[in-house]
Amino acid sequence: MIKCLQAESSPGDVIILHAAAHNPTGLDPTKDQWKGVADLCVQLQLFPLFDSAYQGFASGNLLEDGWAMKHFLGREGLEMGIAQSFSKNFGLYGERVGALHIKSNSTEIGHDIGNLLERLARSEITCPPLYGARIVAQVLNDPKLFAEWERDLVTMSVRIARMRREFYQRLVELETPGHWEHIISQIGMFSYMGLTREQVIVLREEFHIYLLDTGRVAITGLTMENVDYVAQSIDTVVRRVTNVNNSA
């Protein structure tokens, strides 16, 4: 990624970064790698825009999953934005609750950005629904509810990690052809399985297991009740449709 930015970016370019639990790869940069990206943004005068949709789902800890954003915010002179969504980590997907945070280098610029965003919101939305936003506001501003939410995030992140291990173990026990270690090395809601489009189509049409043509699967859709069926179905399809592409 750094080589690509060095070769193709120009001052003022916006680069979109996932804060944690990267969708769709499930692979996050290390802290040292994040520092390198921040250095490059300062050097090349880039504008990083963080997509923060899964905070708490990577490690189960809000601060840990927010480390990259905090590091970038602390870099002097670096203007940036954060598009924060509460759809997943609050279970409010149908309410579309979120916030846009902009860090600018001057009060005047910040004022102008605020005015522009108000005009855009007025022309495109006018009056967004308040129900979901009020739920989030109440939880964030009530210490007891906030602590309960943090515990819920730990529960969810632990469940995701457990289902990754269970899924991987089933494929190992079945001796499914291919390499599957990436399932447990990745984190978050999604995983690239390394399946071909042809294999994905058979999984959909014959076994009613639905994933994208790219082979991306939602780990959160796995349960202890269906993980055996999913693993056995993938094993069957991989053996039957032999043009395997899972070198992840």
Foldseek 3Di string as FASTA:
>chain_A
DLVCCVVDPAAAAEDEAELACDPPALDDDDPVVLVVVLVVCVVRNYEYEYEYEQQCQFQLDNCVSNVSVVVSVPDPPHKYKYWAFCCPLVVPVVQGDTDIDTDHDDPVVVVVVVVVVVVVCCVPPVDRDCPVVVVVVVQVPDVVSVVVSSVVSNVNNVVLLVLLVVLVVLLVVVVQPDDRVSSNVGTGFKHQQQAALVLQVCCCPPVVQHDDNRRMDGSVVDDPVCSNVVSVSSSVSCVVVVPGGRPD
